[in-house]
Protein backbone atom coordinates (compact mmCIF):
# COMPACT_ATOMS: atom_id res chain seq x y z
CA UNK A 1 30.52 35.51 108.50
CA UNK A 2 28.21 38.30 107.32
CA UNK A 3 28.73 40.66 110.27
CA UNK A 4 32.52 40.42 109.92
CA UNK A 5 32.25 41.37 106.24
CA UNK A 6 29.97 44.30 107.05
CA UNK A 7 32.45 45.66 109.59
CA UNK A 8 35.36 45.22 107.23
CA UNK A 9 33.43 47.06 104.52
CA UNK A 10 32.95 49.98 106.91
CA UNK A 11 36.71 50.06 107.47
CA UNK A 12 37.48 49.72 103.75
CA UNK A 13 35.20 52.62 102.89
CA UNK A 14 36.87 55.11 105.25
CA UNK A 15 38.17 58.07 103.26
CA UNK A 16 41.91 58.22 104.04
CA UNK A 17 41.74 62.01 103.84
CA UNK A 18 38.97 62.33 106.43
CA UNK A 19 39.98 63.93 109.74
CA UNK A 20 39.13 62.84 113.27
CA UNK A 21 36.26 64.53 115.08
CA UNK A 22 37.77 64.48 118.56
CA UNK A 23 38.76 66.82 121.34
CA UNK A 24 41.32 66.05 124.05
CA UNK A 25 43.12 62.90 125.16
CA UNK A 26 43.09 61.80 128.79
CA UNK A 27 44.14 59.03 131.15
CA UNK A 28 41.87 57.96 134.00
CA UNK A 29 42.66 57.00 137.59
CA UNK A 30 43.58 53.43 136.59
CA UNK A 31 45.78 54.74 133.76
CA UNK A 32 43.49 53.81 130.87
CA UNK A 33 43.66 56.17 127.89
CA UNK A 34 40.52 57.66 126.40
CA UNK A 35 39.75 60.32 123.86
CA UNK A 36 36.87 62.75 124.14
CA UNK A 37 34.72 62.95 121.02
CA UNK A 38 33.24 65.95 119.29
CA UNK A 39 29.84 64.37 119.84
CA UNK A 40 28.73 61.00 121.16
CA UNK A 41 27.13 57.66 120.40
CA UNK A 42 25.10 54.96 122.11
CA UNK A 43 26.43 51.56 123.13
CA UNK A 44 23.65 48.92 123.16
CA UNK A 45 23.35 46.26 125.83
CA UNK A 46 26.22 43.80 125.39
CA UNK A 47 25.98 40.17 126.54
CA UNK A 48 28.08 39.55 129.65
CA UNK A 49 29.90 36.68 127.95
CA UNK A 50 31.06 38.31 124.71
CA UNK A 51 30.44 41.19 122.29
CA UNK A 52 28.82 39.64 119.17
CA UNK A 53 29.92 41.02 115.81
CA UNK A 54 26.28 41.68 114.94
CA UNK A 55 26.16 44.26 117.76
CA UNK A 56 29.68 45.51 117.03
CA UNK A 57 28.74 46.47 113.46
CA UNK A 58 26.70 49.53 114.46
CA UNK A 59 29.32 50.59 117.00
CA UNK A 60 32.12 50.43 114.43
CA UNK A 61 30.05 52.55 112.06
CA UNK A 62 29.67 55.16 114.80
CA UNK A 63 33.29 55.27 115.94
CA UNK A 64 34.62 55.23 112.35
CA UNK A 65 32.86 58.57 111.93
CA UNK A 66 34.82 60.00 114.85
CA UNK A 67 38.29 58.43 114.47
CA UNK A 68 38.75 57.70 110.74
CA UNK A 69 42.43 58.62 110.94
CA UNK A 70 43.00 55.85 113.50
CA UNK A 71 40.98 53.19 111.67
CA UNK A 72 41.73 53.84 107.98
CA UNK A 73 43.56 50.88 106.46
CA UNK A 74 42.80 48.63 109.43
CA UNK A 75 41.69 45.02 109.45
CA UNK A 76 39.20 43.75 112.02
CA UNK A 77 40.75 41.05 114.20
CA UNK A 78 38.69 37.88 113.91
CA UNK A 79 39.84 36.41 117.24
CA UNK A 80 40.18 38.48 120.40
CA UNK A 81 43.79 38.99 121.47
CA UNK A 82 44.19 38.31 124.31
CA UNK A 83 41.07 36.13 124.54
CA UNK A 84 40.05 37.79 127.82
CA UNK A 85 39.18 41.01 125.93
CA UNK A 86 35.73 39.74 124.98
CA UNK A 87 34.09 43.16 125.20
CA UNK A 88 36.51 44.96 122.91
CA UNK A 89 36.63 45.56 119.19
CA UNK A 90 40.18 45.14 117.93
CA UNK A 91 41.81 46.42 114.76
CA UNK A 92 45.22 45.79 113.28
CA UNK A 93 47.40 47.05 110.46
CA UNK A 94 50.97 46.45 109.28
CA UNK A 95 53.69 49.02 109.85
CA UNK A 96 57.01 48.52 108.08
CA UNK A 97 60.30 49.23 109.79
CA UNK A 98 63.81 49.43 108.34
CA UNK A 99 64.54 45.76 108.97
CA UNK A 100 61.69 44.51 111.17
CA UNK A 101 57.94 44.25 110.76
CA UNK A 102 55.43 45.70 113.21
CA UNK A 103 51.70 45.67 113.60
CA UNK A 104 49.62 48.43 115.08
CA UNK A 105 47.15 46.88 117.53
CA UNK A 106 44.19 49.12 118.40
CA UNK A 107 41.75 47.87 121.04
CA UNK A 108 38.48 49.75 121.73
CA UNK A 109 37.09 48.75 125.14
CA UNK A 110 33.28 48.91 125.28
CA UNK A 111 32.59 47.88 128.86
CA UNK A 112 30.44 50.43 130.67
CA UNK A 113 32.71 53.08 132.18
CA UNK A 114 30.52 56.16 132.57
CA UNK A 115 28.30 57.33 135.39
CA UNK A 116 24.72 56.36 136.14
CA UNK A 117 23.34 59.43 134.33
CA UNK A 118 24.48 58.00 130.99
CA UNK A 119 22.64 54.69 131.37
CA UNK A 120 19.88 54.14 128.80
CA UNK A 121 18.80 50.67 129.92
CA UNK A 122 20.04 48.97 133.05
CA UNK A 123 22.04 45.77 132.91
CA UNK A 124 21.44 42.46 134.62
CA UNK A 125 23.30 39.19 135.13
CA UNK A 126 23.20 38.48 131.40
CA UNK A 127 23.82 41.92 129.89
CA UNK A 128 25.84 45.05 130.55
CA UNK A 129 23.81 48.28 130.57
CA UNK A 130 23.29 50.25 127.39
CA UNK A 131 24.65 53.76 127.70
CA UNK A 132 25.49 56.95 125.87
CA UNK A 133 29.10 58.08 125.78
CA UNK A 134 31.21 60.94 124.51
CA UNK A 135 34.52 59.10 124.75
CA UNK A 136 36.42 56.07 123.46
CA UNK A 137 38.63 54.02 125.76
CA UNK A 138 41.43 52.41 123.80
CA UNK A 139 44.78 50.71 123.84
CA UNK A 140 47.22 51.52 121.02
CA UNK A 141 50.37 49.42 120.68
CA UNK A 142 53.15 49.01 118.14
CA UNK A 143 54.13 45.32 118.32
CA UNK A 144 57.24 43.76 116.68
CA UNK A 145 56.18 40.64 114.80
CA UNK A 146 57.14 37.83 112.46
CA UNK A 147 54.93 35.72 110.17
CA UNK A 148 52.39 38.54 109.99
CA UNK A 149 49.45 37.79 107.71
CA UNK A 150 47.11 40.74 108.00
CA UNK A 151 44.20 40.27 105.62
CA UNK A 152 40.45 40.08 106.33
CA UNK A 153 39.55 37.00 108.38
CA UNK A 154 43.23 35.95 108.59
CA UNK A 155 44.81 38.27 111.14
CA UNK A 156 47.69 36.05 112.17
CA UNK A 157 51.00 37.16 113.62
CA UNK A 158 53.70 36.02 116.01
CA UNK A 159 55.26 38.59 118.36
CA UNK A 160 59.05 38.75 118.50
CA UNK A 161 59.46 37.46 122.05
CA UNK A 162 62.17 38.91 124.20
CA UNK A 163 61.80 36.31 126.94
CA UNK A 164 61.57 32.54 126.93
CA UNK A 165 58.23 31.43 128.29
CA UNK A 166 58.07 28.30 130.39
CA UNK A 167 54.35 27.69 130.36
CA UNK A 168 52.52 28.57 127.17
CA UNK A 169 50.03 26.60 125.17
CA UNK A 170 50.02 27.83 121.60
CA UNK A 171 49.90 26.97 117.97
CA UNK A 172 52.07 28.65 115.35
CA UNK A 173 50.28 31.98 115.56
CA UNK A 174 49.65 34.33 118.44
CA UNK A 175 45.91 34.71 117.97
CA UNK A 176 45.17 31.31 119.52
CA UNK A 177 47.56 31.57 122.46
CA UNK A 178 46.27 30.55 125.85
CA UNK A 179 48.56 32.48 128.17
CA UNK A 180 49.81 31.18 131.50
CA UNK A 181 52.82 33.39 132.07
CA UNK A 182 53.73 33.86 135.72
CA UNK A 183 55.19 37.35 135.43
CA UNK A 184 54.30 40.81 136.58
CA UNK A 185 53.88 42.78 133.37
CA UNK A 186 54.11 46.13 135.19
CA UNK A 187 57.44 45.13 136.70
CA UNK A 188 58.72 44.01 133.31
CA UNK A 189 57.55 47.28 131.73
CA UNK A 190 59.51 49.18 134.37
CA UNK A 191 62.50 46.97 133.71
CA UNK A 192 62.31 47.69 129.97
CA UNK A 193 62.01 51.46 130.48
CA UNK A 194 64.81 51.34 133.04
CA UNK A 195 67.13 49.74 130.48
CA UNK A 196 66.85 52.80 128.21
CA UNK A 197 68.59 56.14 128.67
CA UNK A 198 66.65 58.04 131.33
CA UNK A 199 66.91 61.30 129.38
CA UNK A 200 64.67 60.15 126.54
CA UNK A 201 61.43 60.24 128.56
CA UNK A 202 59.64 63.42 129.54
CA UNK A 203 56.86 61.65 131.50
CA UNK A 204 57.53 59.47 134.54
CA UNK A 205 57.59 55.87 133.36
CA UNK A 206 55.80 54.90 136.57
CA UNK A 207 52.87 57.08 135.53
CA UNK A 208 52.85 56.40 131.79
CA UNK A 209 55.41 53.96 130.34
CA UNK A 210 55.78 54.37 126.60
CA UNK A 211 57.56 51.01 126.41
CA UNK A 212 55.42 48.23 127.87
CA UNK A 213 55.70 44.48 128.21
CA UNK A 214 52.73 42.90 126.43
CA UNK A 215 52.25 40.03 123.98
CA UNK A 216 55.41 38.44 125.48
CA UNK A 217 57.54 41.26 124.10
CA UNK A 218 58.40 44.95 124.29
CA UNK A 219 55.73 47.12 122.70
CA UNK A 220 55.38 50.85 122.27
CA UNK A 221 52.35 52.91 123.25
CA UNK A 222 51.25 55.30 120.50
CA UNK A 223 48.63 57.57 122.09
CA UNK A 224 47.75 59.41 118.88
CA UNK A 225 47.93 56.72 116.15
CA UNK A 226 47.34 58.73 112.98
CA UNK A 227 49.39 57.38 110.02
CA UNK A 228 52.16 59.97 110.32
CA UNK A 229 52.56 59.25 114.05
CA UNK A 230 52.68 55.48 113.49
CA UNK A 231 55.46 55.92 110.92
CA UNK A 232 57.40 58.21 113.25
CA UNK A 233 56.87 55.88 116.21
CA UNK A 234 58.25 52.94 114.21
CA UNK A 235 61.35 54.95 113.30
CA UNK A 236 62.05 55.58 116.99
CA UNK A 237 60.94 52.23 118.39
CA UNK A 238 62.77 49.90 116.01
CA UNK A 239 66.33 50.73 117.22
CA UNK A 240 65.10 50.82 120.82
CA UNK A 241 63.50 47.41 120.44
CA UNK A 242 66.67 45.90 118.93
CA UNK A 243 68.64 47.26 121.89
CA UNK A 244 66.09 45.85 124.38
CA UNK A 245 66.04 42.50 122.60
CA UNK A 246 69.83 42.32 122.95
CA UNK A 247 69.47 42.65 126.75
CA UNK A 248 67.71 39.28 126.82
CA UNK A 249 68.94 37.33 123.78
CA UNK A 250 71.79 37.47 121.25
CA UNK A 251 70.98 40.22 118.74
CA UNK A 252 71.90 37.79 115.93
CA UNK A 253 68.75 35.86 116.83
CA UNK A 254 66.90 38.88 115.46
CA UNK A 255 69.03 40.20 112.61
CA UNK A 256 72.53 39.82 111.24
CA UNK A 257 75.39 42.15 112.09
CA UNK A 258 75.46 43.17 108.40
CA UNK A 259 71.80 44.25 108.62
CA UNK A 260 72.54 46.06 111.86
CA UNK A 261 75.30 48.03 110.18
CA UNK A 262 73.28 48.62 107.00
CA UNK A 263 70.10 49.90 108.62
CA UNK A 264 71.12 51.31 112.00
CA UNK A 265 74.56 52.84 111.55
CA UNK A 266 74.78 55.95 113.71
CA UNK A 267 71.87 54.76 115.88
CA UNK A 268 73.16 51.54 117.41
CA UNK A 269 76.78 50.63 118.09
CA UNK A 270 78.09 47.08 118.28
CA UNK A 271 81.00 46.78 120.71
CA UNK A 272 82.12 43.20 120.90
CA UNK A 273 78.95 41.22 121.56
CA UNK A 274 77.05 44.15 123.08
CA UNK A 275 74.71 46.71 121.50
CA UNK A 276 74.67 50.32 122.67
CA UNK A 277 72.42 53.24 121.77
CA UNK A 278 74.40 56.10 120.25
CA UNK A 279 74.31 59.59 121.76
CA UNK A 280 72.94 60.90 118.47
CA UNK A 281 70.00 58.52 118.50
CA UNK A 282 69.40 59.12 122.22
CA UNK A 283 68.86 62.76 121.29
CA UNK A 284 66.49 61.84 118.47
CA UNK A 285 64.46 59.54 120.74
CA UNK A 286 64.29 62.26 123.41
CA UNK A 287 63.03 64.72 120.80
CA UNK A 288 60.21 62.32 119.95
CA UNK A 289 59.13 61.45 123.50
CA UNK A 290 59.50 64.97 124.88
CA UNK A 291 56.64 66.06 122.60
CA UNK A 292 54.27 64.30 125.02
CA UNK A 293 53.34 65.64 128.43
CA UNK A 294 50.74 65.08 131.14
CA UNK A 295 49.00 67.82 133.10
CA UNK A 296 46.39 68.25 135.83
CA UNK A 297 44.21 71.14 136.89
CA UNK A 298 41.78 71.18 139.82
CA UNK A 299 38.95 69.60 137.80
CA UNK A 300 41.14 66.80 136.49
CA UNK A 301 42.49 66.15 139.97
CA UNK A 302 38.97 65.78 141.36
CA UNK A 303 38.14 63.32 138.58
CA UNK A 304 41.39 61.41 139.04
CA UNK A 305 42.35 62.13 135.42
CA UNK A 306 45.46 63.38 133.63
CA UNK A 307 45.35 65.28 130.37
CA UNK A 308 47.82 64.75 127.52
CA UNK A 309 49.37 67.61 125.64
CA UNK A 310 51.15 66.71 122.42
CA UNK A 311 53.36 69.10 120.47
């Protein structure tokens, strides 16, 4: 597909040394993250049914100029994941852990989310409005995976599930899943965060959970996904994920006790059949998460926003 190749070429040509042109990071009233840009771009009218790659090409060129650090080394996802995200552009890249593999999933949501003053051309039943914007709404997740094949036009991976799903129609790979899971993902996210030592989080997990249940597994939010942050996030998340996995399934379904001892000595402790997080690693995880905070002033309160500060 020509448009897919054009987008991938834009990604391939990003200078890995180029810095982002952004300002501050925020969360809106419905807890969606967005980053303010040092500038802006126009989003053309998008068909109500789906964002065609032909239209996405120009948008990717624009946003790659603002967030090259987030997109460098990424592969464009050929199929939307989940399929309901038809008005997003999604990117993915591999992140290696000590013993497990992860992918970084980066979803840019392009549905109209501004105010009426930003509209260039009104929408109708067939098209969303075109608009100018100075922000990018996104979702950034570190996902534990197996069978990951992340190359252009073949973005296939299977998440490491922590729960057994009763009603799923799927083939071997996640990108074609039709999901029919009768669970409350917010409740499961709270359950996951509640299983971890309370001291590691600086932000209320009800307001912003860093560990979330998505893709049938525990994932980690990475609100500032530059390469150094992704590497650091993987270092923290991998032991936490192994611990969380062990709350639902035998840890030996994930990795052997020899691998556990080899890669996570001093971080995780095996006592009988149970895994525990060491005090030393609890401190290291707290050091990572306590770098993030949320704040509000009068203006943000009126808007229903929170601002992030990251040390």
